[in-house]
Amino acid sequence: MARTMLPMSNQHKAGRPSNTADMSTAGLFTAAQMGQADLLTIEAGTLGIVLMERAGLAVANAVRRRYSRRPVLVVCGPGNNGGDGFVAARILKDSGWPVRLCLLGESGKLKGDAALAADTWPGEVEPISVESLIGAEVLIDALFGAGISRDLDGVALAFVKRASELVEANDLFSIAVDVPSGVDGDTGLIRGWAVPARKTVTFHRPKPGHLLYPARGLIGELLVADIGISPDAASRIGVRQGENHPAAWKHALPRIGPEGHKYSRGHAVVAGGAEMTGAARLAAEAGRRIGAGLLTVAAPARALPAYALDGAGTILVAVEDVTEFQSLLSDERKTAVLVGPGHGVSDRTRAYAEVALATGRAVVLDADSLTVFAGEVEDLARWAAGSDLVITPHMGEFHRLFPDVDVASIGRLAAARIAAARIGGTVVLKGPDSIVAAADGRALINASAPPWLATGGTGDVLAGVILGLMAQGMNGFSAAAAGVWLHGRAGALAGDGLLAEDLARHLNSTLAEVRGHDHVGGSG
């Protein structure tokens, strides 16, 4: 692609407001971080076996609350996850449940708290086998925990495959301890095979794999049990990933003061294409609905009648080429720019993206403006230096932009973090588990979006929401996280069968929910 424009000298490169998202209230623990939290709690005076007893009790209670007394098989692995299983088995047996227990490995080789828990089991310990499943109606899956990082094999794989068949036939109900065995709790990837759980019992905080697909489809109902982990563990460990929830960014939402007016609420710019006008129109409406004080659509003169159909409040400016677009953005009152939706894959689109980035302002790149940098992400990063950049790729666009990132091996969370670091901005990796990742390693996983958002144009609405929030002063990471959650909530309110055109009309309600109806209106 041609790259003829030079970066503009602009005072907006000074940076965005300090409104970073809060990880303390919605942090997700990796397997290693959960181990650190255990150690911090033990160092503070709680014995490890006490934590294990509490975990096993939570699992046993989950079974007792869901099912009447029936045959239970507890399958234990050689680590602490297996220790939790030994405790749950003992508690159920003491309560009069018919319980059998099988172990991968030998009891004599168990160590630490798992060995202590095994010593309290009064029954027989069977070796694990496919035949162990015969006669069981409930499976407590304590074979492997969230820290698994290699594919299952041997007898464990055979057991898990057969258990999965029984679950899918409704002949067996599985309660997973921490995660279904075979689920990588850090990535959400399936390590060979995993048993679909009716319920998963995890401890203290969810793990990333509870929210990330494909694992999320196997978790069932998630129960997070309090086992007494030190409440300051997240801050002491430095947890850098969390669930995307208003608690993480509500404090940074733009507020309208009593003296507010349209000029104080930012001026967003949407670069519109000449033919595919629908995408930019959807984005423009969303940007206005989310609160941008002013919004300009910059498009070729011949396309302006199409853009005029949607809202008398949208400012329309005829822009025929990159020089005119650069002139438009020289007005420092323009606070955020969106390039990409319906713009076409062309040298013109790339030049528009470069001009927007060179201003040092808040920039959202979506759709075609990502494809034009395919395989040239280093160029994108150079142009983005000094700008607050958010990119919003779906998986196809992500693979084109970052062809060397092996998502299948490392998972979407790690991939989004790598991408954000490489561009020096924020990445919204769209999907049923959309991930918002910052260049400094922070990441939020969204779990609230309904499946019926999977229809044409909804991504354009999302880009417009993020644009409108950034135009009002939110930094890229907070705006992207808020935009993804609000977009998903609007989809839930719109209901099954929604069209992309429906989403913007529900943004007012979503904002009111989050703000608690406590904002104060301003003048026009």
Protein backbone atom coordinates (compact mmCIF):
# COMPACT_ATOMS: atom_id res chain seq x y z
CA MET A 1 0.00 0.00 0.00
CA ALA A 2 1.18 3.55 -0.70
CA ARG A 3 2.35 5.51 2.33
CA THR A 4 2.76 9.13 1.27
CA MET A 5 1.50 11.15 4.23
CA LEU A 6 3.81 12.46 6.94
CA PRO A 7 2.84 12.54 10.63
CA MET A 8 1.31 15.83 11.71
CA SER A 9 2.69 17.80 14.63
CA ASN A 10 -0.17 17.96 17.09
CA GLN A 11 -0.54 18.79 20.75
CA HIS A 12 -3.00 15.91 21.23
CA LYS A 13 -0.03 13.56 21.47
CA ALA A 14 0.25 14.57 25.12
CA GLY A 15 -1.89 11.57 26.08
CA ARG A 16 -5.31 10.67 27.44
CA PRO A 17 -6.85 11.04 30.89
CA SER A 18 -5.70 8.67 33.63
CA ASN A 19 -8.85 6.55 33.83
CA THR A 20 -7.46 3.04 33.81
CA ALA A 21 -9.67 0.03 34.40
CA ASP A 22 -9.79 -1.47 37.88
CA MET A 23 -8.63 -5.11 38.14
CA SER A 24 -9.08 -5.50 41.89
CA THR A 25 -12.78 -6.32 41.88
CA ALA A 26 -13.05 -8.70 38.94
CA GLY A 27 -9.62 -10.35 38.73
CA LEU A 28 -9.22 -13.79 37.21
CA PHE A 29 -6.43 -15.94 38.65
CA THR A 30 -4.16 -18.04 36.48
CA ALA A 31 -3.25 -21.45 37.86
CA ALA A 32 0.12 -20.14 39.01
CA GLN A 33 -1.45 -17.10 40.64
CA MET A 34 -3.92 -19.31 42.49
CA GLY A 35 -0.95 -21.25 43.81
CA GLN A 36 0.61 -18.00 44.96
CA ALA A 37 -2.64 -17.02 46.67
CA ASP A 38 -2.66 -20.36 48.50
CA LEU A 39 0.90 -19.77 49.70
CA LEU A 40 0.14 -16.23 50.88
CA THR A 41 -2.82 -17.56 52.85
CA ILE A 42 -0.74 -20.38 54.35
CA GLU A 43 2.00 -17.92 55.28
CA ALA A 44 -0.65 -15.83 57.05
CA GLY A 45 -1.49 -18.78 59.29
CA THR A 46 -4.04 -21.00 57.54
CA LEU A 47 -2.88 -24.58 57.04
CA GLY A 48 -2.94 -25.93 53.51
CA ILE A 49 -4.99 -28.95 54.59
CA VAL A 50 -7.61 -26.54 55.97
CA LEU A 51 -7.92 -24.90 52.54
CA MET A 52 -8.23 -28.36 51.00
CA GLU A 53 -10.92 -29.38 53.50
CA ARG A 54 -12.89 -26.24 52.65
CA ALA A 55 -12.55 -26.91 48.93
CA GLY A 56 -13.67 -30.52 49.27
CA LEU A 57 -16.62 -29.45 51.40
CA ALA A 58 -17.70 -26.96 48.72
CA VAL A 59 -17.62 -29.74 46.13
CA ALA A 60 -19.56 -32.16 48.34
CA ASN A 61 -22.16 -29.49 49.08
CA ALA A 62 -22.56 -28.77 45.37
CA VAL A 63 -23.39 -32.43 44.82
CA ARG A 64 -25.76 -32.67 47.79
CA ARG A 65 -27.63 -29.53 46.83
CA ARG A 66 -28.15 -30.61 43.24
CA TYR A 67 -28.85 -34.35 43.50
CA SER A 68 -30.63 -36.83 45.70
CA ARG A 69 -28.52 -39.65 47.14
CA ARG A 70 -27.20 -41.84 44.32
CA PRO A 71 -24.01 -43.68 43.27
CA VAL A 72 -21.03 -41.34 43.00
CA LEU A 73 -17.64 -41.99 41.46
CA VAL A 74 -14.83 -39.65 42.49
CA VAL A 75 -11.83 -39.73 40.16
CA CYS A 76 -8.68 -38.20 41.64
CA GLY A 77 -5.39 -37.15 40.13
CA PRO A 78 -1.98 -37.06 41.81
CA GLY A 79 -2.02 -33.36 42.75
CA ASN A 80 -3.95 -31.03 45.02
CA ASN A 81 -7.00 -31.26 42.74
CA GLY A 82 -7.09 -34.94 43.59
CA GLY A 83 -6.73 -34.04 47.27
CA ASP A 84 -9.90 -31.96 47.01
CA GLY A 85 -11.57 -35.03 45.53
CA PHE A 86 -10.51 -37.23 48.44
CA VAL A 87 -12.08 -34.76 50.88
CA ALA A 88 -15.33 -34.51 48.91
CA ALA A 89 -15.53 -38.32 48.69
CA ARG A 90 -15.07 -38.71 52.44
CA ILE A 91 -17.71 -36.09 53.29
CA LEU A 92 -20.27 -37.67 50.96
CA LYS A 93 -19.54 -41.14 52.28
CA ASP A 94 -19.91 -39.91 55.86
CA SER A 95 -23.29 -38.49 54.83
CA GLY A 96 -24.47 -41.91 53.69
CA TRP A 97 -23.87 -41.58 49.96
CA PRO A 98 -22.65 -44.61 48.01
CA VAL A 99 -19.20 -43.44 46.94
CA ARG A 100 -16.37 -45.12 45.06
CA LEU A 101 -13.00 -43.51 44.46
CA CYS A 102 -10.39 -44.20 41.79
CA LEU A 103 -6.93 -42.67 41.53
CA LEU A 104 -4.53 -42.00 38.70
CA GLY A 105 -1.28 -43.26 40.13
CA GLU A 106 -0.49 -44.76 43.52
CA SER A 107 -1.62 -43.54 46.94
CA GLY A 108 1.90 -43.94 48.30
CA LYS A 109 3.24 -41.40 45.82
CA LEU A 110 0.88 -38.60 46.86
CA LYS A 111 2.61 -35.67 48.55
CA GLY A 112 1.84 -32.85 50.92
CA ASP A 113 -1.77 -31.94 51.63
CA ALA A 114 -3.05 -34.37 48.98
CA ALA A 115 -1.43 -37.23 50.94
CA LEU A 116 -2.99 -35.97 54.17
CA ALA A 117 -6.42 -35.83 52.52
CA ALA A 118 -6.00 -39.34 51.10
CA ASP A 119 -5.22 -40.67 54.58
CA THR A 120 -8.68 -39.59 55.76
CA TRP A 121 -10.50 -41.58 53.05
CA PRO A 122 -11.97 -44.69 54.73
CA GLY A 123 -12.79 -46.65 51.60
CA GLU A 124 -10.98 -48.56 48.89
CA VAL A 125 -8.84 -46.71 46.35
CA GLU A 126 -9.34 -48.24 42.92
CA PRO A 127 -6.99 -47.75 39.98
CA ILE A 128 -8.51 -45.54 37.31
CA SER A 129 -10.02 -47.37 34.34
CA VAL A 130 -12.86 -47.01 31.89
CA GLU A 131 -14.65 -49.79 33.75
CA SER A 132 -14.66 -47.63 36.89
CA LEU A 133 -17.52 -45.68 35.34
CA ILE A 134 -19.90 -48.64 35.37
CA GLY A 135 -22.79 -48.01 37.73
CA ALA A 136 -21.91 -44.39 38.49
CA GLU A 137 -24.60 -41.74 38.14
CA VAL A 138 -22.58 -38.75 39.37
CA LEU A 139 -18.93 -38.16 38.58
CA ILE A 140 -16.79 -35.86 40.68
CA ASP A 141 -14.02 -34.97 38.25
CA ALA A 142 -10.92 -34.20 40.33
CA LEU A 143 -8.44 -35.71 37.91
CA PHE A 144 -6.58 -32.60 36.69
CA GLY A 145 -6.89 -28.98 37.71
CA ALA A 146 -6.52 -25.65 35.92
CA GLY A 147 -2.75 -25.93 35.55
CA ILE A 148 -2.73 -28.66 32.91
CA SER A 149 -0.65 -27.62 29.90
CA ARG A 150 -0.25 -30.82 27.87
CA ASP A 151 -2.68 -33.13 26.12
CA LEU A 152 -4.21 -36.01 28.02
CA ASP A 153 -2.98 -39.45 27.08
CA GLY A 154 -3.09 -43.08 28.15
CA VAL A 155 -5.66 -44.28 30.64
CA ALA A 156 -6.62 -40.71 31.62
CA LEU A 157 -7.57 -39.91 28.02
CA ALA A 158 -9.52 -43.15 27.65
CA PHE A 159 -11.38 -42.49 30.90
CA VAL A 160 -12.24 -38.90 29.95
CA LYS A 161 -13.47 -39.92 26.50
CA ARG A 162 -15.76 -42.60 27.91
CA ALA A 163 -17.05 -40.27 30.63
CA SER A 164 -17.83 -37.67 27.93
CA GLU A 165 -19.87 -40.23 26.01
CA LEU A 166 -21.90 -41.06 29.11
CA VAL A 167 -22.45 -37.37 29.90
CA GLU A 168 -23.62 -36.63 26.37
CA ALA A 169 -26.04 -39.57 26.59
CA ASN A 170 -27.38 -38.19 29.91
CA ASP A 171 -26.29 -41.37 31.67
CA LEU A 172 -23.81 -39.51 33.89
CA PHE A 173 -23.67 -36.08 35.51
CA SER A 174 -20.23 -34.56 36.03
CA ILE A 175 -19.24 -32.09 38.74
CA ALA A 176 -15.83 -30.63 37.92
CA VAL A 177 -13.34 -29.61 40.60
CA ASP A 178 -11.79 -26.29 39.54
CA VAL A 179 -12.12 -27.10 35.82
CA PRO A 180 -13.22 -30.12 33.80
CA SER A 181 -10.15 -32.32 33.46
CA GLY A 182 -8.44 -31.54 30.18
CA VAL A 183 -9.29 -27.83 30.29
CA ASP A 184 -6.32 -25.47 30.39
CA GLY A 185 -7.48 -22.96 32.98
CA ASP A 186 -5.16 -20.23 31.71
CA THR A 187 -6.09 -20.36 28.02
CA GLY A 188 -9.49 -22.03 27.74
CA LEU A 189 -7.99 -24.55 25.33
CA ILE A 190 -8.86 -28.24 25.50
CA ARG A 191 -5.82 -30.42 26.07
CA GLY A 192 -6.86 -33.44 24.07
CA TRP A 193 -10.32 -34.02 25.57
CA ALA A 194 -12.47 -32.84 28.46
CA VAL A 195 -15.65 -33.98 30.17
CA PRO A 196 -18.59 -31.55 29.88
CA ALA A 197 -19.59 -30.57 33.41
CA ARG A 198 -23.07 -29.96 34.72
CA LYS A 199 -21.46 -27.76 37.38
CA THR A 200 -17.90 -26.57 37.97
CA VAL A 201 -16.75 -25.66 41.48
CA THR A 202 -13.76 -23.36 41.58
CA PHE A 203 -12.17 -21.55 44.49
CA HIS A 204 -11.76 -17.88 45.45
CA ARG A 205 -11.79 -16.44 41.91
CA PRO A 206 -12.65 -17.78 38.46
CA LYS A 207 -9.84 -18.67 36.08
CA PRO A 208 -9.54 -17.25 32.54
CA GLY A 209 -10.49 -20.65 31.13
CA HIS A 210 -13.90 -20.45 32.77
CA LEU A 211 -14.75 -17.55 30.46
CA LEU A 212 -12.79 -18.43 27.32
CA TYR A 213 -14.03 -20.70 24.55
CA PRO A 214 -13.90 -23.57 23.81
CA ALA A 215 -13.62 -24.42 27.51
CA ARG A 216 -16.50 -22.12 28.45
CA GLY A 217 -18.89 -24.44 26.64
CA LEU A 218 -17.90 -27.30 28.99
CA ILE A 219 -18.04 -25.47 32.34
CA GLY A 220 -21.78 -25.70 32.96
CA GLU A 221 -22.94 -23.74 35.99
CA LEU A 222 -19.95 -22.07 37.64
CA LEU A 223 -19.82 -21.94 41.42
CA VAL A 224 -17.03 -19.86 42.98
CA ALA A 225 -16.49 -21.05 46.56
CA ASP A 226 -14.91 -18.96 49.30
CA ILE A 227 -12.28 -21.09 51.01
CA GLY A 228 -10.65 -18.31 53.01
CA ILE A 229 -7.96 -17.04 50.64
CA SER A 230 -6.38 -13.79 51.82
CA PRO A 231 -8.56 -10.93 50.53
CA ASP A 232 -5.55 -8.88 49.44
CA ALA A 233 -4.06 -11.71 47.38
CA ALA A 234 -5.03 -10.18 44.03
CA SER A 235 -3.32 -6.87 44.73
CA ARG A 236 -0.24 -8.52 46.24
CA ILE A 237 0.18 -10.91 43.32
CA GLY A 238 -0.51 -8.28 40.68
CA VAL A 239 -3.38 -9.91 38.77
CA ARG A 240 -3.49 -8.45 35.26
CA GLN A 241 -6.61 -10.09 33.83
CA GLY A 242 -10.23 -9.94 34.84
CA GLU A 243 -13.82 -10.37 33.77
CA ASN A 244 -15.17 -7.40 31.86
CA HIS A 245 -17.73 -5.89 34.19
CA PRO A 246 -18.83 -2.31 34.97
CA ALA A 247 -16.89 -2.43 38.25
CA ALA A 248 -13.70 -2.36 36.17
CA TRP A 249 -14.48 0.87 34.29
CA LYS A 250 -17.63 2.53 35.64
CA HIS A 251 -15.51 5.12 37.46
CA ALA A 252 -14.10 6.26 34.11
CA LEU A 253 -17.41 6.75 32.27
CA PRO A 254 -17.90 10.31 31.01
CA ARG A 255 -20.09 12.41 33.29
CA ILE A 256 -22.14 15.39 32.23
CA GLY A 257 -21.67 18.21 34.72
CA PRO A 258 -24.31 20.87 35.38
CA GLU A 259 -22.48 23.22 33.03
CA GLY A 260 -21.91 20.60 30.35
CA HIS A 261 -22.65 21.33 26.70
CA LYS A 262 -22.11 19.64 23.36
CA TYR A 263 -18.66 21.09 22.88
CA SER A 264 -17.48 19.70 26.21
CA ARG A 265 -18.60 16.19 25.24
CA GLY A 266 -16.15 15.74 22.38
CA HIS A 267 -16.35 15.76 18.61
CA ALA A 268 -16.07 12.38 16.88
CA VAL A 269 -15.26 11.85 13.22
CA VAL A 270 -16.29 8.83 11.16
CA ALA A 271 -14.58 8.34 7.81
CA GLY A 272 -17.33 7.13 5.50
CA GLY A 273 -16.99 5.21 2.28
CA ALA A 274 -18.61 6.05 -1.03
CA GLU A 275 -20.50 2.82 -1.73
CA MET A 276 -20.86 0.68 1.44
CA THR A 277 -22.42 3.44 3.52
CA GLY A 278 -24.34 1.25 5.97
CA ALA A 279 -21.37 0.35 8.17
CA ALA A 280 -20.31 3.94 8.83
CA ARG A 281 -23.94 4.98 9.35
CA LEU A 282 -24.34 2.34 12.07
CA ALA A 283 -21.12 3.46 13.72
CA ALA A 284 -22.12 7.12 13.57
CA GLU A 285 -25.49 6.55 15.22
CA ALA A 286 -23.86 4.51 17.98
CA GLY A 287 -21.23 7.20 18.59
CA ARG A 288 -23.93 9.82 19.02
CA ARG A 289 -26.14 7.60 21.20
CA ILE A 290 -23.29 6.83 23.59
CA GLY A 291 -22.82 10.52 24.23
CA ALA A 292 -20.44 12.21 21.80
CA GLY A 293 -21.43 15.88 21.79
CA LEU A 294 -20.84 16.25 18.06
CA LEU A 295 -20.22 13.73 15.31
CA THR A 296 -19.09 14.35 11.77
CA VAL A 297 -19.25 11.88 8.92
CA ALA A 298 -16.57 12.69 6.34
CA ALA A 299 -17.40 11.08 2.99
CA PRO A 300 -17.37 11.77 -0.76
CA ALA A 301 -20.04 14.27 -1.78
CA ARG A 302 -21.91 11.74 -3.92
CA ALA A 303 -22.50 9.54 -0.85
CA LEU A 304 -23.72 12.25 1.53
CA PRO A 305 -27.42 11.82 0.65
CA ALA A 306 -27.23 8.24 1.98
CA TYR A 307 -25.63 9.42 5.22
CA ALA A 308 -28.29 12.10 5.60
CA LEU A 309 -31.00 9.44 5.92
CA ASP A 310 -30.22 8.47 9.52
CA GLY A 311 -30.12 11.55 11.68
CA ALA A 312 -30.46 15.28 11.27
CA GLY A 313 -28.00 15.75 14.11
CA THR A 314 -25.09 14.17 12.26
CA ILE A 315 -22.73 16.69 10.65
CA LEU A 316 -21.90 15.79 7.05
CA VAL A 317 -18.73 17.02 5.39
CA ALA A 318 -17.72 16.30 1.81
CA VAL A 319 -14.20 14.87 1.75
CA GLU A 320 -12.91 13.63 -1.57
CA ASP A 321 -9.32 12.69 -0.83
CA VAL A 322 -6.72 12.23 1.87
CA THR A 323 -5.58 15.86 1.68
CA GLU A 324 -9.09 17.08 2.48
CA PHE A 325 -9.37 14.51 5.27
CA GLN A 326 -6.10 15.73 6.74
CA SER A 327 -7.39 19.31 6.56
CA LEU A 328 -10.57 18.29 8.42
CA LEU A 329 -8.55 16.70 11.20
CA SER A 330 -6.32 19.74 11.55
CA ASP A 331 -9.14 21.20 13.63
CA GLU A 332 -8.01 20.28 17.14
CA ARG A 333 -11.59 20.30 18.39
CA LYS A 334 -11.99 16.89 16.70
CA THR A 335 -11.22 14.50 19.56
CA ALA A 336 -11.57 10.97 18.14
CA VAL A 337 -11.55 9.36 14.71
CA LEU A 338 -12.90 6.08 13.31
CA VAL A 339 -11.60 4.69 10.03
CA GLY A 340 -12.56 1.42 8.40
CA PRO A 341 -16.25 0.47 8.37
CA GLY A 342 -17.41 0.28 4.76
CA HIS A 343 -14.32 2.13 3.57
CA GLY A 344 -12.98 -0.56 1.25
CA VAL A 345 -9.58 -2.23 1.06
CA SER A 346 -7.53 0.36 -0.81
CA ASP A 347 -4.56 2.70 -0.71
CA ARG A 348 -7.04 5.44 0.16
CA THR A 349 -8.18 3.61 3.30
CA ARG A 350 -4.61 3.09 4.42
CA ALA A 351 -3.77 6.74 3.84
CA TYR A 352 -6.83 7.82 5.85
CA ALA A 353 -5.77 5.55 8.72
CA GLU A 354 -2.24 6.94 8.66
CA VAL A 355 -3.50 10.52 8.68
CA ALA A 356 -5.80 9.81 11.63
CA LEU A 357 -2.99 8.16 13.58
CA ALA A 358 -0.55 10.93 12.79
CA THR A 359 -2.75 13.46 14.60
CA GLY A 360 -1.97 11.77 17.92
CA ARG A 361 -5.66 11.72 18.79
CA ALA A 362 -7.87 8.87 19.90
CA VAL A 363 -8.29 6.54 16.92
CA VAL A 364 -10.40 3.45 16.33
CA LEU A 365 -9.45 1.22 13.40
CA ASP A 366 -11.94 -1.43 12.34
CA ALA A 367 -12.70 -3.67 9.38
CA ASP A 368 -11.01 -2.52 6.14
CA SER A 369 -8.53 -0.25 7.90
CA LEU A 370 -7.07 -3.35 9.57
CA THR A 371 -6.90 -5.42 6.41
CA VAL A 372 -4.83 -2.73 4.66
CA PHE A 373 -2.07 -3.31 7.23
CA ALA A 374 -2.15 -7.10 6.77
CA GLY A 375 1.25 -8.54 7.61
CA GLU A 376 2.68 -5.05 8.18
CA VAL A 377 1.82 -4.48 11.81
CA GLU A 378 5.19 -2.82 12.41
CA ASP A 379 4.12 -0.02 10.07
CA LEU A 380 0.85 0.31 11.96
CA ALA A 381 2.75 0.56 15.24
CA ARG A 382 5.03 3.27 13.88
CA TRP A 383 2.12 5.39 12.74
CA ALA A 384 0.29 4.80 16.02
CA ALA A 385 3.16 6.05 18.20
CA GLY A 386 1.75 8.91 20.25
CA SER A 387 -1.86 8.07 19.42
CA ASP A 388 -4.38 6.33 21.66
CA LEU A 389 -5.24 3.48 19.29
CA VAL A 390 -7.96 0.84 19.56
CA ILE A 391 -8.28 -1.88 16.93
CA THR A 392 -11.29 -4.19 16.79
CA PRO A 393 -10.49 -7.31 14.71
CA HIS A 394 -12.52 -10.46 14.43
CA MET A 395 -10.47 -13.64 14.11
CA GLY A 396 -10.13 -13.44 10.32
CA GLU A 397 -8.82 -9.89 10.48
CA PHE A 398 -6.56 -10.81 13.39
CA HIS A 399 -4.93 -13.63 11.42
CA ARG A 400 -4.35 -11.31 8.46
CA LEU A 401 -2.82 -8.62 10.64
CA PHE A 402 -0.77 -10.98 12.86
CA PRO A 403 -0.10 -14.06 10.69
CA ASP A 404 2.80 -15.16 12.90
CA VAL A 405 0.72 -15.36 16.11
CA ASP A 406 -0.32 -19.00 16.63
CA VAL A 407 -3.67 -18.51 18.33
CA ALA A 408 -4.49 -22.21 18.21
CA SER A 409 -1.47 -23.00 20.38
CA ILE A 410 -1.42 -20.12 22.85
CA GLY A 411 -5.11 -19.17 23.07
CA ARG A 412 -6.98 -15.95 22.38
CA LEU A 413 -6.03 -14.21 25.62
CA ALA A 414 -2.29 -14.52 25.07
CA ALA A 415 -2.72 -13.66 21.39
CA ALA A 416 -4.60 -10.46 22.18
CA ARG A 417 -1.94 -9.42 24.68
CA ILE A 418 0.84 -10.02 22.17
CA ALA A 419 -1.03 -8.00 19.56
CA ALA A 420 -1.66 -5.09 21.93
CA ALA A 421 2.01 -4.95 22.89
CA ARG A 422 3.06 -4.95 19.26
CA ILE A 423 0.82 -2.07 18.21
CA GLY A 424 1.32 -0.13 21.44
CA GLY A 425 -2.44 0.24 21.85
CA THR A 426 -5.63 -1.60 22.76
CA VAL A 427 -6.90 -4.71 20.98
CA VAL A 428 -10.52 -5.83 21.05
CA LEU A 429 -10.37 -9.41 19.80
CA LYS A 430 -14.02 -9.96 18.96
CA GLY A 431 -15.88 -13.21 19.46
CA PRO A 432 -18.31 -14.89 21.87
CA ASP A 433 -15.65 -14.23 24.54
CA SER A 434 -14.39 -10.84 23.32
CA ILE A 435 -11.06 -9.89 24.87
CA VAL A 436 -9.89 -6.35 25.54
CA ALA A 437 -6.11 -6.21 25.91
CA ALA A 438 -3.83 -3.26 26.65
CA ALA A 439 -0.21 -2.80 25.62
CA ASP A 440 0.90 -3.05 29.27
CA GLY A 441 -0.54 -6.57 29.69
CA ARG A 442 -3.90 -5.80 31.28
CA ALA A 443 -6.78 -7.75 29.80
CA LEU A 444 -10.52 -8.16 30.34
CA ILE A 445 -12.62 -11.06 29.09
CA ASN A 446 -16.25 -10.39 28.23
CA ALA A 447 -18.82 -12.98 29.24
CA SER A 448 -22.09 -11.09 28.88
CA ALA A 449 -22.77 -10.88 25.14
CA PRO A 450 -25.72 -12.91 23.79
CA PRO A 451 -25.18 -15.19 20.78
CA TRP A 452 -27.65 -13.29 18.62
CA LEU A 453 -25.12 -10.46 18.30
CA ALA A 454 -23.61 -12.65 15.58
CA THR A 455 -25.20 -10.77 12.71
CA GLY A 456 -23.97 -8.28 10.14
CA GLY A 457 -23.30 -4.74 11.30
CA THR A 458 -23.03 -5.30 15.03
CA GLY A 459 -19.26 -4.85 14.88
CA ASP A 460 -19.74 -1.46 13.26
CA VAL A 461 -21.99 -0.46 16.13
CA LEU A 462 -19.32 -1.57 18.60
CA ALA A 463 -16.69 0.54 16.83
CA GLY A 464 -19.02 3.53 17.06
CA VAL A 465 -19.63 3.01 20.77
CA ILE A 466 -15.90 2.91 21.50
CA LEU A 467 -15.37 5.98 19.31
CA GLY A 468 -18.05 7.94 21.15
CA LEU A 469 -16.61 7.10 24.55
CA MET A 470 -13.08 8.03 23.49
CA ALA A 471 -14.34 11.28 22.00
CA GLN A 472 -15.61 12.17 25.49
CA GLY A 473 -12.23 11.53 27.11
CA MET A 474 -12.07 7.86 28.08
CA ASN A 475 -8.73 6.27 27.27
CA GLY A 476 -8.63 3.43 24.79
CA PHE A 477 -8.54 0.49 27.18
CA SER A 478 -11.37 1.74 29.41
CA ALA A 479 -13.47 2.85 26.44
CA ALA A 480 -13.00 -0.47 24.69
CA ALA A 481 -13.92 -2.45 27.80
CA ALA A 482 -16.96 -0.30 28.48
CA GLY A 483 -17.96 -0.39 24.83
CA VAL A 484 -17.80 -4.17 24.62
CA TRP A 485 -19.89 -4.64 27.77
CA LEU A 486 -22.47 -1.96 26.89
CA HIS A 487 -22.73 -3.36 23.37
CA GLY A 488 -23.39 -6.84 24.74
CA ARG A 489 -25.93 -5.55 27.24
CA ALA A 490 -27.74 -3.62 24.52
CA GLY A 491 -27.89 -6.84 22.53
CA ALA A 492 -29.42 -8.65 25.49
CA LEU A 493 -32.05 -5.94 25.85
CA ALA A 494 -32.83 -6.02 22.12
CA GLY A 495 -33.43 -9.77 22.31
CA ASP A 496 -33.18 -12.67 19.90
CA GLY A 497 -33.69 -11.72 16.28
CA LEU A 498 -32.07 -8.32 16.67
CA LEU A 499 -30.74 -6.35 13.75
CA ALA A 500 -27.65 -4.22 14.07
CA GLU A 501 -29.92 -1.21 13.62
CA ASP A 502 -31.66 -2.09 16.90
CA LEU A 503 -28.59 -1.87 19.11
CA ALA A 504 -28.07 1.90 19.29
CA ARG A 505 -31.62 2.41 20.55
CA HIS A 506 -30.84 0.39 23.66
CA LEU A 507 -27.60 2.17 24.57
CA ASN A 508 -29.47 4.78 26.63
CA SER A 509 -30.91 2.05 28.84
CA THR A 510 -27.57 0.34 29.30
CA LEU A 511 -25.89 3.59 30.30
CA ALA A 512 -28.70 4.33 32.76
CA GLU A 513 -28.26 0.88 34.32
CA VAL A 514 -24.54 1.37 34.81
CA ARG A 515 -24.70 4.95 36.00
CA GLY A 516 -27.62 4.31 38.31
CA HIS A 517 -29.53 7.25 36.86
CA ASP A 518 -27.20 9.64 38.70
CA HIS A 519 -25.93 11.81 35.84
CA VAL A 520 -26.85 15.48 35.59
CA GLY A 521 -27.90 16.95 32.27
CA GLY A 522 -26.30 19.95 30.61
CA SER A 523 -27.20 22.55 28.00
CA GLY A 524 -27.22 22.22 24.25
